[in-house]
Amino acid sequence: MLQYRLFFLLLFGIWALFLQQSYAYIDPGTAGAIFSSLGPLLWGILAVSCGILIWPFRRFCQYLNDKWHQQHKTLAFIISGMIVIAALGLIAIVCILLLF
């Protein structure tokens, strides 16, 4: 089986050496179709990411309301907001890397 694969790989490799340059045409409507299909996908990823990250944030805020004094709540709210923004940034970076 390996011999057949090597034979066809060699055959197509030699064939590719003698190919001439070809030109392709992409009509203007194709780009619109690609972008219109990627937009909802990216919005869906963002919505799911926000939904996943908001649940621990709400639980943390509830914990702060139960346990801490008012002056510490503001500081903890700011810190937890920064953590959520950083986590969303990491998810965005991972999504961008997966798309490319």
N, C-alpha and C. Protein backbone atom coordinates (compact mmCIF):
# COMPACT_ATOMS: atom_id res chain seq x y z
N MET A 1 0.83 -1.19 0.00
CA MET A 1 0.00 0.00 0.00
C MET A 1 0.87 1.26 0.00
N LEU A 2 1.96 1.21 0.77
CA LEU A 2 2.87 2.35 0.84
C LEU A 2 3.53 2.60 -0.51
N GLN A 3 3.78 1.53 -1.27
CA GLN A 3 4.41 1.67 -2.58
C GLN A 3 3.51 2.45 -3.54
N TYR A 4 2.19 2.19 -3.49
CA TYR A 4 1.25 2.90 -4.35
C TYR A 4 1.19 4.39 -3.99
N ARG A 5 1.22 4.65 -2.69
CA ARG A 5 1.17 6.05 -2.26
C ARG A 5 2.42 6.80 -2.72
N LEU A 6 3.58 6.17 -2.57
CA LEU A 6 4.80 6.81 -3.01
C LEU A 6 4.82 7.00 -4.52
N PHE A 7 4.29 6.03 -5.24
CA PHE A 7 4.23 6.13 -6.70
C PHE A 7 3.36 7.31 -7.13
N PHE A 8 2.16 7.43 -6.54
CA PHE A 8 1.27 8.53 -6.91
C PHE A 8 1.81 9.88 -6.45
N LEU A 9 2.47 9.89 -5.30
CA LEU A 9 3.08 11.13 -4.83
C LEU A 9 4.18 11.58 -5.79
N LEU A 10 5.00 10.66 -6.24
CA LEU A 10 6.06 10.97 -7.19
C LEU A 10 5.46 11.39 -8.54
N LEU A 11 4.43 10.69 -8.98
CA LEU A 11 3.78 11.00 -10.25
C LEU A 11 3.18 12.41 -10.23
N PHE A 12 2.46 12.75 -9.17
CA PHE A 12 1.86 14.08 -9.08
C PHE A 12 2.91 15.16 -8.87
N GLY A 13 4.00 14.82 -8.20
CA GLY A 13 5.09 15.78 -8.02
C GLY A 13 5.74 16.14 -9.33
N ILE A 14 5.99 15.15 -10.17
CA ILE A 14 6.57 15.40 -11.49
C ILE A 14 5.59 16.17 -12.37
N TRP A 15 4.32 15.79 -12.29
CA TRP A 15 3.29 16.48 -13.07
C TRP A 15 3.19 17.95 -12.67
N ALA A 16 3.33 18.24 -11.37
CA ALA A 16 3.23 19.61 -10.88
C ALA A 16 4.40 20.47 -11.37
N LEU A 17 5.54 19.86 -11.66
CA LEU A 17 6.68 20.62 -12.16
C LEU A 17 6.43 21.21 -13.54
N PHE A 18 5.61 20.55 -14.34
CA PHE A 18 5.38 20.98 -15.71
C PHE A 18 4.09 21.78 -15.90
N LEU A 19 3.41 22.08 -14.82
CA LEU A 19 2.19 22.87 -14.93
C LEU A 19 2.51 24.32 -15.25
N GLN A 20 1.67 24.94 -16.03
CA GLN A 20 1.82 26.35 -16.32
C GLN A 20 0.98 27.16 -15.34
N GLN A 21 1.27 28.44 -15.26
CA GLN A 21 0.54 29.30 -14.33
C GLN A 21 -0.90 29.46 -14.82
N SER A 22 -1.83 29.37 -13.88
CA SER A 22 -3.23 29.56 -14.22
C SER A 22 -3.78 30.74 -13.43
N TYR A 23 -4.82 31.34 -13.97
CA TYR A 23 -5.42 32.49 -13.33
C TYR A 23 -6.84 32.15 -12.91
N ALA A 24 -7.24 32.68 -11.77
CA ALA A 24 -8.58 32.43 -11.27
C ALA A 24 -9.31 33.76 -11.13
N TYR A 25 -10.60 33.71 -11.24
CA TYR A 25 -11.42 34.91 -11.10
C TYR A 25 -12.39 34.69 -9.96
N ILE A 26 -12.38 35.63 -9.03
CA ILE A 26 -13.35 35.60 -7.94
C ILE A 26 -14.24 36.82 -8.12
N ASP A 27 -15.51 36.58 -8.31
CA ASP A 27 -16.42 37.69 -8.56
C ASP A 27 -16.64 38.51 -7.29
N PRO A 28 -17.08 39.75 -7.41
CA PRO A 28 -17.24 40.63 -6.25
C PRO A 28 -18.25 40.12 -5.22
N GLY A 29 -19.21 39.34 -5.62
CA GLY A 29 -20.21 38.84 -4.67
C GLY A 29 -19.66 37.79 -3.72
N THR A 30 -18.55 37.18 -4.06
CA THR A 30 -17.98 36.12 -3.21
C THR A 30 -17.48 36.68 -1.89
N ALA A 31 -16.82 37.83 -1.93
CA ALA A 31 -16.31 38.43 -0.69
C ALA A 31 -17.46 38.78 0.24
N GLY A 32 -18.55 39.27 -0.29
CA GLY A 32 -19.71 39.58 0.54
C GLY A 32 -20.29 38.35 1.19
N ALA A 33 -20.31 37.25 0.47
CA ALA A 33 -20.83 36.00 1.03
C ALA A 33 -19.93 35.49 2.14
N ILE A 34 -18.63 35.61 1.96
CA ILE A 34 -17.68 35.14 2.99
C ILE A 34 -17.84 35.98 4.25
N PHE A 35 -17.86 37.31 4.10
CA PHE A 35 -17.96 38.16 5.28
C PHE A 35 -19.33 38.07 5.96
N SER A 36 -20.37 37.85 5.18
CA SER A 36 -21.69 37.73 5.80
C SER A 36 -21.84 36.41 6.55
N SER A 37 -21.04 35.41 6.23
CA SER A 37 -21.11 34.16 6.98
C SER A 37 -20.17 34.19 8.19
N LEU A 38 -19.10 34.98 8.13
CA LEU A 38 -18.18 35.05 9.27
C LEU A 38 -18.70 35.96 10.38
N GLY A 39 -19.47 36.98 10.03
CA GLY A 39 -19.99 37.92 11.04
C GLY A 39 -20.81 37.24 12.12
N PRO A 40 -21.85 36.48 11.78
CA PRO A 40 -22.63 35.80 12.81
C PRO A 40 -21.81 34.79 13.62
N LEU A 41 -20.84 34.16 12.97
CA LEU A 41 -19.98 33.23 13.70
C LEU A 41 -19.19 33.94 14.79
N LEU A 42 -18.60 35.07 14.43
CA LEU A 42 -17.82 35.82 15.42
C LEU A 42 -18.70 36.39 16.52
N TRP A 43 -19.91 36.88 16.17
CA TRP A 43 -20.83 37.36 17.20
C TRP A 43 -21.26 36.23 18.12
N GLY A 44 -21.45 35.05 17.58
CA GLY A 44 -21.82 33.89 18.40
C GLY A 44 -20.72 33.51 19.37
N ILE A 45 -19.48 33.53 18.91
CA ILE A 45 -18.35 33.24 19.79
C ILE A 45 -18.26 34.27 20.90
N LEU A 46 -18.45 35.53 20.55
CA LEU A 46 -18.42 36.59 21.56
C LEU A 46 -19.54 36.44 22.59
N ALA A 47 -20.74 36.11 22.12
CA ALA A 47 -21.88 35.96 23.02
C ALA A 47 -21.68 34.80 23.98
N VAL A 48 -21.19 33.68 23.48
CA VAL A 48 -20.95 32.53 24.34
C VAL A 48 -19.85 32.83 25.34
N SER A 49 -18.79 33.51 24.89
CA SER A 49 -17.70 33.86 25.80
C SER A 49 -18.19 34.78 26.91
N CYS A 50 -18.98 35.78 26.56
CA CYS A 50 -19.53 36.68 27.58
C CYS A 50 -20.45 35.93 28.54
N GLY A 51 -21.26 35.04 28.01
CA GLY A 51 -22.17 34.26 28.86
C GLY A 51 -21.42 33.37 29.84
N ILE A 52 -20.31 32.79 29.38
CA ILE A 52 -19.52 31.92 30.26
C ILE A 52 -18.81 32.74 31.31
N LEU A 53 -18.33 33.92 30.95
CA LEU A 53 -17.56 34.72 31.90
C LEU A 53 -18.43 35.53 32.85
N ILE A 54 -19.66 35.80 32.50
CA ILE A 54 -20.51 36.61 33.38
C ILE A 54 -20.98 35.81 34.59
N TRP A 55 -21.16 34.52 34.46
CA TRP A 55 -21.65 33.72 35.58
C TRP A 55 -20.71 33.78 36.78
N PRO A 56 -19.39 33.52 36.64
CA PRO A 56 -18.52 33.65 37.82
C PRO A 56 -18.44 35.08 38.34
N PHE A 57 -18.53 36.05 37.43
CA PHE A 57 -18.50 37.45 37.84
C PHE A 57 -19.69 37.79 38.72
N ARG A 58 -20.87 37.31 38.36
CA ARG A 58 -22.07 37.56 39.17
C ARG A 58 -21.97 36.84 40.51
N ARG A 59 -21.44 35.62 40.51
CA ARG A 59 -21.27 34.89 41.77
C ARG A 59 -20.30 35.63 42.69
N PHE A 60 -19.24 36.18 42.11
CA PHE A 60 -18.26 36.92 42.90
C PHE A 60 -18.88 38.19 43.48
N CYS A 61 -19.68 38.88 42.68
CA CYS A 61 -20.36 40.09 43.19
C CYS A 61 -21.33 39.74 44.31
N GLN A 62 -22.03 38.62 44.19
CA GLN A 62 -22.94 38.19 45.25
C GLN A 62 -22.17 37.86 46.53
N TYR A 63 -21.01 37.23 46.37
CA TYR A 63 -20.17 36.93 47.52
C TYR A 63 -19.72 38.22 48.20
N LEU A 64 -19.34 39.22 47.41
CA LEU A 64 -18.91 40.49 47.98
C LEU A 64 -20.05 41.18 48.73
N ASN A 65 -21.24 41.12 48.19
CA ASN A 65 -22.39 41.73 48.87
C ASN A 65 -22.65 41.07 50.22
N ASP A 66 -22.40 39.78 50.30
CA ASP A 66 -22.66 39.07 51.55
C ASP A 66 -21.56 39.27 52.59
N LYS A 67 -20.31 39.39 52.17
CA LYS A 67 -19.20 39.31 53.12
C LYS A 67 -18.49 40.63 53.40
N TRP A 68 -18.39 41.53 52.43
CA TRP A 68 -17.49 42.67 52.58
C TRP A 68 -18.23 43.96 52.91
N HIS A 69 -17.45 44.93 53.40
CA HIS A 69 -17.97 46.26 53.68
C HIS A 69 -18.04 47.07 52.38
N GLN A 70 -18.70 48.21 52.43
CA GLN A 70 -18.95 49.00 51.22
C GLN A 70 -17.66 49.48 50.57
N GLN A 71 -16.67 49.92 51.32
CA GLN A 71 -15.45 50.45 50.71
C GLN A 71 -14.65 49.36 50.01
N HIS A 72 -14.70 48.15 50.50
CA HIS A 72 -13.98 47.05 49.86
C HIS A 72 -14.74 46.53 48.64
N LYS A 73 -16.05 46.69 48.63
CA LYS A 73 -16.85 46.21 47.49
C LYS A 73 -16.47 46.94 46.21
N THR A 74 -16.25 48.24 46.28
CA THR A 74 -15.92 49.02 45.09
C THR A 74 -14.58 48.57 44.52
N LEU A 75 -13.60 48.39 45.39
CA LEU A 75 -12.28 47.95 44.95
C LEU A 75 -12.36 46.54 44.35
N ALA A 76 -13.06 45.65 45.00
CA ALA A 76 -13.18 44.29 44.50
C ALA A 76 -13.97 44.26 43.19
N PHE A 77 -14.97 45.12 43.05
CA PHE A 77 -15.74 45.20 41.81
C PHE A 77 -14.85 45.64 40.65
N ILE A 78 -14.00 46.62 40.88
CA ILE A 78 -13.08 47.10 39.85
C ILE A 78 -12.08 46.01 39.47
N ILE A 79 -11.52 45.34 40.47
CA ILE A 79 -10.55 44.28 40.19
C ILE A 79 -11.19 43.11 39.44
N SER A 80 -12.38 42.73 39.86
CA SER A 80 -13.04 41.62 39.17
C SER A 80 -13.43 42.01 37.75
N GLY A 81 -13.80 43.27 37.53
CA GLY A 81 -14.08 43.74 36.17
C GLY A 81 -12.84 43.69 35.29
N MET A 82 -11.69 44.04 35.85
CA MET A 82 -10.44 43.96 35.10
C MET A 82 -10.10 42.52 34.76
N ILE A 83 -10.39 41.60 35.66
CA ILE A 83 -10.13 40.18 35.41
C ILE A 83 -11.02 39.68 34.27
N VAL A 84 -12.29 40.07 34.28
CA VAL A 84 -13.20 39.65 33.22
C VAL A 84 -12.77 40.22 31.87
N ILE A 85 -12.36 41.47 31.84
CA ILE A 85 -11.91 42.08 30.58
C ILE A 85 -10.65 41.38 30.08
N ALA A 86 -9.73 41.05 30.98
CA ALA A 86 -8.52 40.33 30.57
C ALA A 86 -8.87 38.94 30.03
N ALA A 87 -9.81 38.26 30.67
CA ALA A 87 -10.20 36.93 30.19
C ALA A 87 -10.86 37.02 28.82
N LEU A 88 -11.71 38.03 28.60
CA LEU A 88 -12.31 38.22 27.27
C LEU A 88 -11.25 38.52 26.22
N GLY A 89 -10.23 39.28 26.60
CA GLY A 89 -9.13 39.55 25.67
C GLY A 89 -8.39 38.28 25.29
N LEU A 90 -8.15 37.42 26.28
CA LEU A 90 -7.48 36.15 25.98
C LEU A 90 -8.33 35.27 25.07
N ILE A 91 -9.62 35.24 25.32
CA ILE A 91 -10.51 34.45 24.45
C ILE A 91 -10.52 35.02 23.05
N ALA A 92 -10.52 36.34 22.92
CA ALA A 92 -10.48 36.96 21.60
C ALA A 92 -9.19 36.62 20.86
N ILE A 93 -8.07 36.63 21.57
CA ILE A 93 -6.79 36.29 20.96
C ILE A 93 -6.80 34.84 20.49
N VAL A 94 -7.33 33.94 21.31
CA VAL A 94 -7.39 32.53 20.92
C VAL A 94 -8.29 32.35 19.70
N CYS A 95 -9.43 33.02 19.66
CA CYS A 95 -10.33 32.92 18.52
C CYS A 95 -9.68 33.46 17.25
N ILE A 96 -8.96 34.56 17.37
CA ILE A 96 -8.28 35.11 16.20
C ILE A 96 -7.21 34.16 15.70
N LEU A 97 -6.45 33.56 16.62
CA LEU A 97 -5.42 32.61 16.21
C LEU A 97 -6.03 31.36 15.58
N LEU A 98 -7.19 30.94 16.05
CA LEU A 98 -7.83 29.78 15.46
C LEU A 98 -8.37 30.06 14.06
N LEU A 99 -8.76 31.31 13.80
CA LEU A 99 -9.27 31.65 12.48
C LEU A 99 -8.17 31.77 11.45
N PHE A 100 -6.96 32.08 11.92
CA PHE A 100 -5.85 32.20 10.97
C PHE A 100 -5.02 31.00 11.08
